[in-house]
C-alpha atoms as a PDB file:
ATOM      1  CA  UNK A   1     151.491  64.673 -28.209  1.00  0.00           C
ATOM      2  CA  UNK A   2     155.246  64.225 -27.925  1.00  0.00           C
ATOM      3  CA  UNK A   3     156.773  62.753 -24.783  1.00  0.00           C
ATOM      4  CA  UNK A   4     158.996  65.770 -24.150  1.00  0.00           C
ATOM      5  CA  UNK A   5     155.966  68.074 -24.337  1.00  0.00           C
ATOM      6  CA  UNK A   6     154.088  66.062 -21.701  1.00  0.00           C
ATOM      7  CA  UNK A   7     157.184  65.953 -19.499  1.00  0.00           C
ATOM      8  CA  UNK A   8     157.618  69.722 -19.795  1.00  0.00           C
ATOM      9  CA  UNK A   9     153.946  70.320 -18.969  1.00  0.00           C
ATOM     10  CA  UNK A  10     154.093  67.991 -15.954  1.00  0.00           C
ATOM     11  CA  UNK A  11     157.265  69.707 -14.728  1.00  0.00           C
ATOM     12  CA  UNK A  12     155.576  73.113 -14.990  1.00  0.00           C
ATOM     13  CA  UNK A  13     152.685  71.861 -12.873  1.00  0.00           C
ATOM     14  CA  UNK A  14     155.132  70.384 -10.390  1.00  0.00           C
ATOM     15  CA  UNK A  15     157.071  73.658 -10.187  1.00  0.00           C
ATOM     16  CA  UNK A  16     153.903  75.477  -9.165  1.00  0.00           C
ATOM     17  CA  UNK A  17     153.037  73.080  -6.354  1.00  0.00           C
ATOM     18  CA  UNK A  18     156.630  72.553  -5.209  1.00  0.00           C
ATOM     19  CA  UNK A  19     156.505  75.718  -3.099  1.00  0.00           C
ATOM     20  CA  UNK A  20     153.794  74.246  -0.861  1.00  0.00           C
ATOM     21  CA  UNK A  21     155.126  73.682   2.664  1.00  0.00           C
ATOM     22  CA  UNK A  22     153.302  70.338   3.001  1.00  0.00           C
ATOM     23  CA  UNK A  23     155.068  68.192   0.407  1.00  0.00           C
ATOM     24  CA  UNK A  24     152.601  65.310   0.636  1.00  0.00           C
ATOM     25  CA  UNK A  25     149.712  67.694  -0.014  1.00  0.00           C
ATOM     26  CA  UNK A  26     151.670  69.183  -2.914  1.00  0.00           C
ATOM     27  CA  UNK A  27     152.076  65.694  -4.345  1.00  0.00           C
ATOM     28  CA  UNK A  28     148.341  65.047  -4.030  1.00  0.00           C
ATOM     29  CA  UNK A  29     147.585  68.405  -5.646  1.00  0.00           C
ATOM     30  CA  UNK A  30     149.876  67.698  -8.599  1.00  0.00           C
ATOM     31  CA  UNK A  31     147.979  64.474  -9.261  1.00  0.00           C
ATOM     32  CA  UNK A  32     144.689  66.257  -8.630  1.00  0.00           C
ATOM     33  CA  UNK A  33     145.554  68.842 -11.254  1.00  0.00           C
ATOM     34  CA  UNK A  34     146.510  66.150 -13.761  1.00  0.00           C
ATOM     35  CA  UNK A  35     143.325  64.203 -12.995  1.00  0.00           C
ATOM     36  CA  UNK A  36     141.155  67.287 -13.366  1.00  0.00           C
ATOM     37  CA  UNK A  37     142.690  68.962 -16.405  1.00  0.00           C
ATOM     38  CA  UNK A  38     144.432  66.252 -18.415  1.00  0.00           C
ATOM     39  CA  UNK A  39     142.270  63.926 -20.492  1.00  0.00           C
ATOM     40  CA  UNK A  40     142.669  60.180 -19.921  1.00  0.00           C
ATOM     41  CA  UNK A  41     144.826  59.763 -23.024  1.00  0.00           C
ATOM     42  CA  UNK A  42     147.411  62.230 -21.660  1.00  0.00           C
ATOM     43  CA  UNK A  43     147.376  60.637 -18.207  1.00  0.00           C
ATOM     44  CA  UNK A  44     147.851  57.212 -19.743  1.00  0.00           C
ATOM     45  CA  UNK A  45     150.730  58.488 -21.862  1.00  0.00           C
ATOM     46  CA  UNK A  46     152.605  60.068 -18.912  1.00  0.00           C
ATOM     47  CA  UNK A  47     152.313  56.766 -17.032  1.00  0.00           C
ATOM     48  CA  UNK A  48     153.681  54.949 -20.080  1.00  0.00           C
ATOM     49  CA  UNK A  49     156.563  57.419 -20.238  1.00  0.00           C
ATOM     50  CA  UNK A  50     157.655  56.979 -16.628  1.00  0.00           C
ATOM     51  CA  UNK A  51     157.348  53.197 -16.768  1.00  0.00           C
ATOM     52  CA  UNK A  52     159.282  52.911 -20.005  1.00  0.00           C
ATOM     53  CA  UNK A  53     162.737  51.322 -20.003  1.00  0.00           C
ATOM     54  CA  UNK A  54     164.090  54.414 -21.767  1.00  0.00           C
ATOM     55  CA  UNK A  55     162.836  56.873 -19.132  1.00  0.00           C
ATOM     56  CA  UNK A  56     165.513  58.792 -17.259  1.00  0.00           C
ATOM     57  CA  UNK A  57     164.410  59.859 -13.763  1.00  0.00           C
ATOM     58  CA  UNK A  58     166.117  63.222 -14.155  1.00  0.00           C
ATOM     59  CA  UNK A  59     163.770  64.139 -17.033  1.00  0.00           C
ATOM     60  CA  UNK A  60     160.845  64.615 -14.663  1.00  0.00           C
ATOM     61  CA  UNK A  61     160.745  66.211 -11.220  1.00  0.00           C
ATOM     62  CA  UNK A  62     160.800  63.584  -8.464  1.00  0.00           C
ATOM     63  CA  UNK A  63     157.696  65.050  -6.803  1.00  0.00           C
ATOM     64  CA  UNK A  64     155.814  64.740 -10.093  1.00  0.00           C
ATOM     65  CA  UNK A  65     156.930  61.134 -10.504  1.00  0.00           C
ATOM     66  CA  UNK A  66     155.725  60.380  -6.970  1.00  0.00           C
ATOM     67  CA  UNK A  67     152.390  62.085  -7.669  1.00  0.00           C
ATOM     68  CA  UNK A  68     151.885  60.075 -10.836  1.00  0.00           C
ATOM     69  CA  UNK A  69     152.826  56.754  -9.259  1.00  0.00           C
ATOM     70  CA  UNK A  70     150.872  57.272  -6.047  1.00  0.00           C
ATOM     71  CA  UNK A  71     147.776  59.310  -6.896  1.00  0.00           C
ATOM     72  CA  UNK A  72     147.163  59.578 -10.643  1.00  0.00           C
ATOM     73  CA  UNK A  73     143.986  57.973 -11.957  1.00  0.00           C
ATOM     74  CA  UNK A  74     144.555  56.328 -15.323  1.00  0.00           C
END
């Protein structure tokens, strides 16, 4: 799967949870969704993307980045 496809999918998930009033819970729920519905290979790839030297922080929603770094199982 292409990097931009994974980024777009993660941003769509983040957009859904972004409306939650409790932002920390929203962050946990983003990671929970990724853990539940994304296979390990996709989770590993999104981690590789955000830790890459070429990654631009504005490509991915900041709440999604936080969710991946703090709560994603990979």
